[in-house]
């Protein structure tokens, strides 16, 4: 999930859509997302009818460090 978010960091995702793309259950997405939201790497909003929306938080220093690391290992 983290890799997918890093590859698509300009996009906004809903929990069901992420689960579908990653071929996992929505509860798995929620479980993985929870520590990322707590560390502010992921932004989280709940919208109408309980829809959960996630976005990569590029302003957070930890998220920027992840991007830098991902870009470095991608070049290997």
C-alpha atoms as a PDB file:
ATOM      1  CA  UNK A   1       0.000   0.000   0.000  1.00  0.00           C
ATOM      2  CA  UNK A   2       2.793   2.418   0.865  1.00  0.00           C
ATOM      3  CA  UNK A   3       4.477   1.809  -2.466  1.00  0.00           C
ATOM      4  CA  UNK A   4       1.196   2.394  -4.326  1.00  0.00           C
ATOM      5  CA  UNK A   5       0.652   5.644  -2.425  1.00  0.00           C
ATOM      6  CA  UNK A   6       4.206   6.759  -3.177  1.00  0.00           C
ATOM      7  CA  UNK A   7       3.739   6.007  -6.871  1.00  0.00           C
ATOM      8  CA  UNK A   8       0.467   7.968  -6.888  1.00  0.00           C
ATOM      9  CA  UNK A   9       1.129  10.614  -4.270  1.00  0.00           C
ATOM     10  CA  UNK A  10      -0.803  13.323  -6.118  1.00  0.00           C
ATOM     11  CA  UNK A  11      -4.032  11.289  -6.009  1.00  0.00           C
ATOM     12  CA  UNK A  12      -6.775  10.891  -3.443  1.00  0.00           C
ATOM     13  CA  UNK A  13      -8.102   7.400  -2.695  1.00  0.00           C
ATOM     14  CA  UNK A  14     -11.102   5.933  -0.981  1.00  0.00           C
ATOM     15  CA  UNK A  15     -10.702   2.849   1.182  1.00  0.00           C
ATOM     16  CA  UNK A  16     -12.753   0.574  -1.077  1.00  0.00           C
ATOM     17  CA  UNK A  17     -10.864   1.700  -4.185  1.00  0.00           C
ATOM     18  CA  UNK A  18      -7.496   1.091  -2.568  1.00  0.00           C
ATOM     19  CA  UNK A  19      -8.627  -2.341  -1.440  1.00  0.00           C
ATOM     20  CA  UNK A  20      -9.739  -3.185  -4.972  1.00  0.00           C
ATOM     21  CA  UNK A  21      -6.502  -1.973  -6.602  1.00  0.00           C
ATOM     22  CA  UNK A  22      -4.335  -3.768  -4.049  1.00  0.00           C
ATOM     23  CA  UNK A  23      -6.502  -6.904  -4.046  1.00  0.00           C
ATOM     24  CA  UNK A  24      -6.974  -6.845  -0.275  1.00  0.00           C
ATOM     25  CA  UNK A  25      -9.986  -6.339   1.958  1.00  0.00           C
ATOM     26  CA  UNK A  26     -11.075  -2.844   3.065  1.00  0.00           C
ATOM     27  CA  UNK A  27     -10.316  -3.878   6.650  1.00  0.00           C
ATOM     28  CA  UNK A  28      -6.716  -4.635   5.609  1.00  0.00           C
ATOM     29  CA  UNK A  29      -6.444  -1.148   4.110  1.00  0.00           C
ATOM     30  CA  UNK A  30      -7.812   0.307   7.353  1.00  0.00           C
ATOM     31  CA  UNK A  31      -5.345  -1.696   9.450  1.00  0.00           C
ATOM     32  CA  UNK A  32      -2.358  -0.610   7.326  1.00  0.00           C
ATOM     33  CA  UNK A  33      -3.559   2.986   7.110  1.00  0.00           C
ATOM     34  CA  UNK A  34      -4.084   3.467  10.850  1.00  0.00           C
ATOM     35  CA  UNK A  35      -0.403   3.922  11.847  1.00  0.00           C
ATOM     36  CA  UNK A  36       0.230   6.009   8.699  1.00  0.00           C
ATOM     37  CA  UNK A  37      -2.618   8.340   9.664  1.00  0.00           C
ATOM     38  CA  UNK A  38      -1.357   8.532  13.266  1.00  0.00           C
ATOM     39  CA  UNK A  39       2.115   9.472  12.010  1.00  0.00           C
ATOM     40  CA  UNK A  40       0.498  12.019   9.631  1.00  0.00           C
ATOM     41  CA  UNK A  41       2.010  10.367   6.539  1.00  0.00           C
ATOM     42  CA  UNK A  42      -1.563   9.856   5.332  1.00  0.00           C
ATOM     43  CA  UNK A  43      -4.365  12.376   5.544  1.00  0.00           C
ATOM     44  CA  UNK A  44      -7.764  10.900   6.378  1.00  0.00           C
ATOM     45  CA  UNK A  45     -11.312  12.219   6.014  1.00  0.00           C
ATOM     46  CA  UNK A  46     -14.680  10.547   6.429  1.00  0.00           C
ATOM     47  CA  UNK A  47     -17.354  11.699   3.990  1.00  0.00           C
ATOM     48  CA  UNK A  48     -20.997  11.002   3.322  1.00  0.00           C
ATOM     49  CA  UNK A  49     -22.281   7.543   4.151  1.00  0.00           C
ATOM     50  CA  UNK A  50     -19.019   6.671   5.924  1.00  0.00           C
ATOM     51  CA  UNK A  51     -16.749   6.814   2.866  1.00  0.00           C
ATOM     52  CA  UNK A  52     -13.109   6.975   3.997  1.00  0.00           C
ATOM     53  CA  UNK A  53     -10.751   9.092   1.913  1.00  0.00           C
ATOM     54  CA  UNK A  54      -6.938   8.936   2.071  1.00  0.00           C
ATOM     55  CA  UNK A  55      -4.268  11.178   0.584  1.00  0.00           C
ATOM     56  CA  UNK A  56      -0.491  11.119   0.903  1.00  0.00           C
ATOM     57  CA  UNK A  57       0.589  14.052   3.098  1.00  0.00           C
ATOM     58  CA  UNK A  58       3.524  15.522   1.202  1.00  0.00           C
ATOM     59  CA  UNK A  59       3.889  18.327   3.739  1.00  0.00           C
ATOM     60  CA  UNK A  60       4.780  15.961   6.573  1.00  0.00           C
ATOM     61  CA  UNK A  61       8.565  15.564   7.103  1.00  0.00           C
ATOM     62  CA  UNK A  62       8.252  11.786   7.582  1.00  0.00           C
ATOM     63  CA  UNK A  63       6.359  11.519   4.289  1.00  0.00           C
ATOM     64  CA  UNK A  64       9.004  13.582   2.490  1.00  0.00           C
ATOM     65  CA  UNK A  65      11.666  11.242   3.886  1.00  0.00           C
ATOM     66  CA  UNK A  66       9.715   8.262   2.538  1.00  0.00           C
ATOM     67  CA  UNK A  67       9.543   9.915  -0.892  1.00  0.00           C
ATOM     68  CA  UNK A  68      13.292  10.583  -0.890  1.00  0.00           C
ATOM     69  CA  UNK A  69      14.043   7.006   0.154  1.00  0.00           C
ATOM     70  CA  UNK A  70      11.626   5.571  -2.421  1.00  0.00           C
ATOM     71  CA  UNK A  71      13.163   7.663  -5.199  1.00  0.00           C
ATOM     72  CA  UNK A  72      16.679   6.552  -4.236  1.00  0.00           C
ATOM     73  CA  UNK A  73      15.857   2.840  -4.188  1.00  0.00           C
ATOM     74  CA  UNK A  74      13.869   3.177  -7.430  1.00  0.00           C
ATOM     75  CA  UNK A  75      17.036   4.289  -9.192  1.00  0.00           C
ATOM     76  CA  UNK A  76      18.969   1.171  -8.129  1.00  0.00           C
END
